[in-house]
Amino acid sequence: MTIDGAPVDPSAVYKVAANNFLLGGGDGFSVFTEGKDQVLGAIDLDAFVTYFAAQGTISPPALNRISGK
């Protein structure tokens, strides 16, 4: 794995950003649970539900927006 073309240093400390699900070890990413100084925000699902509740009815986008050309 590389960052900006340079190999990741296994002994270095890196700061990463991810959603709460992954930081909690979801989808088998258990190494994230070993992180130090975690700063967590709203639970993803809670933020999603709050957003849609505030928006009211939302119309889906046009179905022809992607083409196989």
PDB file of N, CA and C in Angstrom:
ATOM      1  N   MET A   1       0.852  -1.163   0.000  1.00  0.00           N
ATOM      2  CA  MET A   1       0.000   0.000   0.000  1.00  0.00           C
ATOM      3  C   MET A   1       0.899   1.228   0.000  1.00  0.00           C
ATOM      4  N   THR A   2       0.463   2.263  -0.687  1.00  0.00           N
ATOM      5  CA  THR A   2       1.233   3.503  -0.770  1.00  0.00           C
ATOM      6  C   THR A   2       0.354   4.698  -0.441  1.00  0.00           C
ATOM      7  N   ILE A   3       1.012   5.763  -0.032  1.00  0.00           N
ATOM      8  CA  ILE A   3       0.352   7.054   0.170  1.00  0.00           C
ATOM      9  C   ILE A   3       1.145   8.062  -0.642  1.00  0.00           C
ATOM     10  N   ASP A   4       0.503   8.699  -1.592  1.00  0.00           N
ATOM     11  CA  ASP A   4       1.163   9.634  -2.505  1.00  0.00           C
ATOM     12  C   ASP A   4       2.386   9.002  -3.155  1.00  0.00           C
ATOM     13  N   GLY A   5       2.296   7.707  -3.487  1.00  0.00           N
ATOM     14  CA  GLY A   5       3.359   7.000  -4.178  1.00  0.00           C
ATOM     15  C   GLY A   5       4.445   6.433  -3.281  1.00  0.00           C
ATOM     16  N   ALA A   6       4.445   6.770  -2.006  1.00  0.00           N
ATOM     17  CA  ALA A   6       5.463   6.257  -1.074  1.00  0.00           C
ATOM     18  C   ALA A   6       4.893   5.082  -0.286  1.00  0.00           C
ATOM     19  N   PRO A   7       5.695   4.051  -0.070  1.00  0.00           N
ATOM     20  CA  PRO A   7       5.203   2.904   0.699  1.00  0.00           C
ATOM     21  C   PRO A   7       4.804   3.308   2.121  1.00  0.00           C
ATOM     22  N   VAL A   8       3.772   2.673   2.634  1.00  0.00           N
ATOM     23  CA  VAL A   8       3.354   2.920   4.003  1.00  0.00           C
ATOM     24  C   VAL A   8       4.411   2.345   4.939  1.00  0.00           C
ATOM     25  N   ASP A   9       4.777   3.116   5.945  1.00  0.00           N
ATOM     26  CA  ASP A   9       5.769   2.688   6.928  1.00  0.00           C
ATOM     27  C   ASP A   9       5.039   1.952   8.052  1.00  0.00           C
ATOM     28  N   PRO A  10       5.273   0.655   8.216  1.00  0.00           N
ATOM     29  CA  PRO A  10       4.547  -0.111   9.228  1.00  0.00           C
ATOM     30  C   PRO A  10       4.791   0.375  10.659  1.00  0.00           C
ATOM     31  N   SER A  11       5.879   1.110  10.891  1.00  0.00           N
ATOM     32  CA  SER A  11       6.160   1.589  12.249  1.00  0.00           C
ATOM     33  C   SER A  11       5.674   3.021  12.480  1.00  0.00           C
ATOM     34  N   ALA A  12       5.152   3.656  11.444  1.00  0.00           N
ATOM     35  CA  ALA A  12       4.670   5.033  11.570  1.00  0.00           C
ATOM     36  C   ALA A  12       3.243   5.059  12.113  1.00  0.00           C
ATOM     37  N   VAL A  13       2.838   6.226  12.587  1.00  0.00           N
ATOM     38  CA  VAL A  13       1.477   6.443  13.063  1.00  0.00           C
ATOM     39  C   VAL A  13       0.747   7.270  12.014  1.00  0.00           C
ATOM     40  N   TYR A  14      -0.444   6.825  11.623  1.00  0.00           N
ATOM     41  CA  TYR A  14      -1.237   7.515  10.610  1.00  0.00           C
ATOM     42  C   TYR A  14      -2.602   7.875  11.183  1.00  0.00           C
ATOM     43  N   LYS A  15      -3.143   8.972  10.717  1.00  0.00           N
ATOM     44  CA  LYS A  15      -4.498   9.383  11.072  1.00  0.00           C
ATOM     45  C   LYS A  15      -5.396   9.032   9.894  1.00  0.00           C
ATOM     46  N   VAL A  16      -6.501   8.362  10.174  1.00  0.00           N
ATOM     47  CA  VAL A  16      -7.426   7.977   9.116  1.00  0.00           C
ATOM     48  C   VAL A  16      -8.819   8.482   9.436  1.00  0.00           C
ATOM     49  N   ALA A  17      -9.626   8.586   8.419  1.00  0.00           N
ATOM     50  CA  ALA A  17     -11.030   8.957   8.585  1.00  0.00           C
ATOM     51  C   ALA A  17     -11.879   7.817   8.035  1.00  0.00           C
ATOM     52  N   ALA A  18     -12.895   7.464   8.788  1.00  0.00           N
ATOM     53  CA  ALA A  18     -13.802   6.399   8.361  1.00  0.00           C
ATOM     54  C   ALA A  18     -15.121   6.589   9.097  1.00  0.00           C
ATOM     55  N   ASN A  19     -16.137   5.878   8.643  1.00  0.00           N
ATOM     56  CA  ASN A  19     -17.415   5.974   9.340  1.00  0.00           C
ATOM     57  C   ASN A  19     -17.392   5.129  10.615  1.00  0.00           C
ATOM     58  N   ASN A  20     -18.367   5.351  11.483  1.00  0.00           N
ATOM     59  CA  ASN A  20     -18.425   4.654  12.773  1.00  0.00           C
ATOM     60  C   ASN A  20     -18.493   3.141  12.607  1.00  0.00           C
ATOM     61  N   PHE A  21     -19.180   2.684  11.587  1.00  0.00           N
ATOM     62  CA  PHE A  21     -19.309   1.241  11.358  1.00  0.00           C
ATOM     63  C   PHE A  21     -17.939   0.599  11.167  1.00  0.00           C
ATOM     64  N   LEU A  22     -17.130   1.175  10.299  1.00  0.00           N
ATOM     65  CA  LEU A  22     -15.802   0.607  10.060  1.00  0.00           C
ATOM     66  C   LEU A  22     -14.889   0.781  11.269  1.00  0.00           C
ATOM     67  N   LEU A  23     -14.948   1.953  11.920  1.00  0.00           N
ATOM     68  CA  LEU A  23     -14.099   2.177  13.093  1.00  0.00           C
ATOM     69  C   LEU A  23     -14.448   1.228  14.233  1.00  0.00           C
ATOM     70  N   GLY A  24     -15.674   0.721  14.227  1.00  0.00           N
ATOM     71  CA  GLY A  24     -16.089  -0.249  15.239  1.00  0.00           C
ATOM     72  C   GLY A  24     -15.740  -1.674  14.859  1.00  0.00           C
ATOM     73  N   GLY A  25     -15.017  -1.857  13.747  1.00  0.00           N
ATOM     74  CA  GLY A  25     -14.600  -3.191  13.319  1.00  0.00           C
ATOM     75  C   GLY A  25     -15.535  -3.855  12.339  1.00  0.00           C
ATOM     76  N   GLY A  26     -16.526  -3.105  11.857  1.00  0.00           N
ATOM     77  CA  GLY A  26     -17.481  -3.667  10.905  1.00  0.00           C
ATOM     78  C   GLY A  26     -16.829  -4.172   9.636  1.00  0.00           C
ATOM     79  N   ASP A  27     -17.488  -5.122   8.991  1.00  0.00           N
ATOM     80  CA  ASP A  27     -17.015  -5.761   7.751  1.00  0.00           C
ATOM     81  C   ASP A  27     -15.642  -6.401   7.915  1.00  0.00           C
ATOM     82  N   GLY A  28     -15.305  -6.772   9.146  1.00  0.00           N
ATOM     83  CA  GLY A  28     -14.044  -7.470   9.381  1.00  0.00           C
ATOM     84  C   GLY A  28     -12.830  -6.570   9.521  1.00  0.00           C
ATOM     85  N   PHE A  29     -13.015  -5.261   9.551  1.00  0.00           N
ATOM     86  CA  PHE A  29     -11.894  -4.333   9.706  1.00  0.00           C
ATOM     87  C   PHE A  29     -11.569  -4.150  11.189  1.00  0.00           C
ATOM     88  N   SER A  30     -11.276  -5.246  11.863  1.00  0.00           N
ATOM     89  CA  SER A  30     -11.083  -5.220  13.312  1.00  0.00           C
ATOM     90  C   SER A  30      -9.866  -4.403  13.741  1.00  0.00           C
ATOM     91  N   VAL A  31      -8.914  -4.216  12.865  1.00  0.00           N
ATOM     92  CA  VAL A  31      -7.721  -3.435  13.235  1.00  0.00           C
ATOM     93  C   VAL A  31      -8.085  -1.999  13.596  1.00  0.00           C
ATOM     94  N   PHE A  32      -9.192  -1.486  13.046  1.00  0.00           N
ATOM     95  CA  PHE A  32      -9.606  -0.117  13.377  1.00  0.00           C
ATOM     96  C   PHE A  32      -9.953   0.036  14.855  1.00  0.00           C
ATOM     97  N   THR A  33     -10.361  -1.054  15.498  1.00  0.00           N
ATOM     98  CA  THR A  33     -10.712  -0.962  16.919  1.00  0.00           C
ATOM     99  C   THR A  33      -9.482  -0.717  17.791  1.00  0.00           C
ATOM    100  N   GLU A  34      -8.300  -0.885  17.218  1.00  0.00           N
ATOM    101  CA  GLU A  34      -7.055  -0.646  17.954  1.00  0.00           C
ATOM    102  C   GLU A  34      -6.603   0.814  17.875  1.00  0.00           C
ATOM    103  N   GLY A  35      -7.352   1.644  17.159  1.00  0.00           N
ATOM    104  CA  GLY A  35      -6.977   3.044  16.983  1.00  0.00           C
ATOM    105  C   GLY A  35      -6.936   3.799  18.304  1.00  0.00           C
ATOM    106  N   LYS A  36      -6.080   4.785  18.362  1.00  0.00           N
ATOM    107  CA  LYS A  36      -5.930   5.623  19.553  1.00  0.00           C
ATOM    108  C   LYS A  36      -6.533   6.999  19.290  1.00  0.00           C
ATOM    109  N   ASP A  37      -6.994   7.646  20.344  1.00  0.00           N
ATOM    110  CA  ASP A  37      -7.512   9.017  20.260  1.00  0.00           C
ATOM    111  C   ASP A  37      -8.616   9.161  19.209  1.00  0.00           C
ATOM    112  N   GLN A  38      -9.532   8.213  19.189  1.00  0.00           N
ATOM    113  CA  GLN A  38     -10.619   8.280  18.216  1.00  0.00           C
ATOM    114  C   GLN A  38     -11.545   9.454  18.518  1.00  0.00           C
ATOM    115  N   VAL A  39     -11.956  10.120  17.476  1.00  0.00           N
ATOM    116  CA  VAL A  39     -12.941  11.196  17.562  1.00  0.00           C
ATOM    117  C   VAL A  39     -14.121  10.738  16.732  1.00  0.00           C
ATOM    118  N   LEU A  40     -15.223  10.458  17.388  1.00  0.00           N
ATOM    119  CA  LEU A  40     -16.385   9.927  16.692  1.00  0.00           C
ATOM    120  C   LEU A  40     -17.489  10.967  16.614  1.00  0.00           C
ATOM    121  N   GLY A  41     -18.178  10.973  15.502  1.00  0.00           N
ATOM    122  CA  GLY A  41     -19.302  11.877  15.318  1.00  0.00           C
ATOM    123  C   GLY A  41     -20.605  11.121  15.466  1.00  0.00           C
ATOM    124  N   ALA A  42     -21.609  11.624  14.822  1.00  0.00           N
ATOM    125  CA  ALA A  42     -22.928  10.991  14.873  1.00  0.00           C
ATOM    126  C   ALA A  42     -22.865   9.592  14.267  1.00  0.00           C
ATOM    127  N   ILE A  43     -23.715   8.710  14.760  1.00  0.00           N
ATOM    128  CA  ILE A  43     -23.833   7.382  14.157  1.00  0.00           C
ATOM    129  C   ILE A  43     -24.361   7.576  12.742  1.00  0.00           C
ATOM    130  N   ASP A  44     -23.757   6.883  11.792  1.00  0.00           N
ATOM    131  CA  ASP A  44     -24.092   7.065  10.382  1.00  0.00           C
ATOM    132  C   ASP A  44     -25.586   6.933  10.113  1.00  0.00           C
ATOM    133  N   LEU A  45     -26.194   5.878  10.614  1.00  0.00           N
ATOM    134  CA  LEU A  45     -27.614   5.655  10.362  1.00  0.00           C
ATOM    135  C   LEU A  45     -28.451   6.768  10.971  1.00  0.00           C
ATOM    136  N   ASP A  46     -28.092   7.228  12.175  1.00  0.00           N
ATOM    137  CA  ASP A  46     -28.836   8.321  12.805  1.00  0.00           C
ATOM    138  C   ASP A  46     -28.765   9.591  11.965  1.00  0.00           C
ATOM    139  N   ALA A  47     -27.586   9.902  11.452  1.00  0.00           N
ATOM    140  CA  ALA A  47     -27.421  11.091  10.611  1.00  0.00           C
ATOM    141  C   ALA A  47     -28.234  10.944   9.320  1.00  0.00           C
ATOM    142  N   PHE A  48     -28.238   9.763   8.752  1.00  0.00           N
ATOM    143  CA  PHE A  48     -28.989   9.478   7.524  1.00  0.00           C
ATOM    144  C   PHE A  48     -30.485   9.688   7.755  1.00  0.00           C
ATOM    145  N   VAL A  49     -31.018   9.113   8.832  1.00  0.00           N
ATOM    146  CA  VAL A  49     -32.435   9.235   9.148  1.00  0.00           C
ATOM    147  C   VAL A  49     -32.798  10.689   9.429  1.00  0.00           C
ATOM    148  N   THR A  50     -31.958  11.392  10.172  1.00  0.00           N
ATOM    149  CA  THR A  50     -32.213  12.804  10.482  1.00  0.00           C
ATOM    150  C   THR A  50     -32.254  13.640   9.207  1.00  0.00           C
ATOM    151  N   TYR A  51     -31.315  13.390   8.291  1.00  0.00           N
ATOM    152  CA  TYR A  51     -31.271  14.128   7.028  1.00  0.00           C
ATOM    153  C   TYR A  51     -32.575  13.946   6.247  1.00  0.00           C
ATOM    154  N   PHE A  52     -32.995  12.699   6.078  1.00  0.00           N
ATOM    155  CA  PHE A  52     -34.200  12.455   5.293  1.00  0.00           C
ATOM    156  C   PHE A  52     -35.453  12.957   5.998  1.00  0.00           C
ATOM    157  N   ALA A  53     -35.478  12.901   7.312  1.00  0.00           N
ATOM    158  CA  ALA A  53     -36.625  13.435   8.052  1.00  0.00           C
ATOM    159  C   ALA A  53     -36.744  14.938   7.829  1.00  0.00           C
ATOM    160  N   ALA A  54     -35.615  15.639   7.754  1.00  0.00           N
ATOM    161  CA  ALA A  54     -35.619  17.085   7.549  1.00  0.00           C
ATOM    162  C   ALA A  54     -35.976  17.455   6.115  1.00  0.00           C
ATOM    163  N   GLN A  55     -35.704  16.565   5.153  1.00  0.00           N
ATOM    164  CA  GLN A  55     -35.942  16.859   3.743  1.00  0.00           C
ATOM    165  C   GLN A  55     -37.384  16.656   3.318  1.00  0.00           C
ATOM    166  N   GLY A  56     -38.129  15.831   4.028  1.00  0.00           N
ATOM    167  CA  GLY A  56     -39.474  15.502   3.583  1.00  0.00           C
ATOM    168  C   GLY A  56     -39.404  14.545   2.403  1.00  0.00           C
ATOM    169  N   THR A  57     -40.370  14.620   1.525  1.00  0.00           N
ATOM    170  CA  THR A  57     -40.397  13.730   0.370  1.00  0.00           C
ATOM    171  C   THR A  57     -39.295  14.110  -0.610  1.00  0.00           C
ATOM    172  N   ILE A  58     -38.555  13.126  -1.039  1.00  0.00           N
ATOM    173  CA  ILE A  58     -37.449  13.346  -1.974  1.00  0.00           C
ATOM    174  C   ILE A  58     -37.732  12.546  -3.234  1.00  0.00           C
ATOM    175  N   SER A  59     -37.655  13.208  -4.383  1.00  0.00           N
ATOM    176  CA  SER A  59     -37.862  12.526  -5.655  1.00  0.00           C
ATOM    177  C   SER A  59     -36.561  11.874  -6.100  1.00  0.00           C
ATOM    178  N   PRO A  60     -36.658  10.671  -6.636  1.00  0.00           N
ATOM    179  CA  PRO A  60     -35.440  10.012  -7.120  1.00  0.00           C
ATOM    180  C   PRO A  60     -34.900  10.722  -8.360  1.00  0.00           C
ATOM    181  N   PRO A  61     -33.597  10.578  -8.611  1.00  0.00           N
ATOM    182  CA  PRO A  61     -33.014  11.195  -9.809  1.00  0.00           C
ATOM    183  C   PRO A  61     -33.474  10.455 -11.065  1.00  0.00           C
ATOM    184  N   ALA A  62     -33.218  11.072 -12.218  1.00  0.00           N
ATOM    185  CA  ALA A  62     -33.563  10.460 -13.498  1.00  0.00           C
ATOM    186  C   ALA A  62     -32.829   9.129 -13.645  1.00  0.00           C
ATOM    187  N   LEU A  63     -33.511   8.127 -14.181  1.00  0.00           N
ATOM    188  CA  LEU A  63     -32.903   6.801 -14.328  1.00  0.00           C
ATOM    189  C   LEU A  63     -31.920   6.711 -15.483  1.00  0.00           C
ATOM    190  N   ASN A  64     -31.946   7.666 -16.395  1.00  0.00           N
ATOM    191  CA  ASN A  64     -31.091   7.603 -17.582  1.00  0.00           C
ATOM    192  C   ASN A  64     -29.804   8.416 -17.413  1.00  0.00           C
ATOM    193  N   ARG A  65     -29.372   8.646 -16.194  1.00  0.00           N
ATOM    194  CA  ARG A  65     -28.190   9.495 -15.970  1.00  0.00           C
ATOM    195  C   ARG A  65     -26.876   8.757 -16.232  1.00  0.00           C
ATOM    196  N   ILE A  66     -26.914   7.423 -16.354  1.00  0.00           N
ATOM    197  CA  ILE A  66     -25.696   6.645 -16.599  1.00  0.00           C
ATOM    198  C   ILE A  66     -25.878   5.928 -17.930  1.00  0.00           C
ATOM    199  N   SER A  67     -24.851   5.962 -18.759  1.00  0.00           N
ATOM    200  CA  SER A  67     -24.936   5.283 -20.032  1.00  0.00           C
ATOM    201  C   SER A  67     -23.768   4.327 -20.184  1.00  0.00           C
ATOM    202  N   GLY A  68     -23.929   3.342 -21.029  1.00  0.00           N
ATOM    203  CA  GLY A  68     -22.884   2.354 -21.264  1.00  0.00           C
ATOM    204  C   GLY A  68     -21.987   2.700 -22.431  1.00  0.00           C
ATOM    205  N   LYS A  69     -21.972   3.956 -22.832  1.00  0.00           N
ATOM    206  CA  LYS A  69     -21.173   4.379 -24.001  1.00  0.00           C
ATOM    207  C   LYS A  69     -19.712   4.426 -23.676  1.00  0.00           C
TER     208      LYS A  69
END
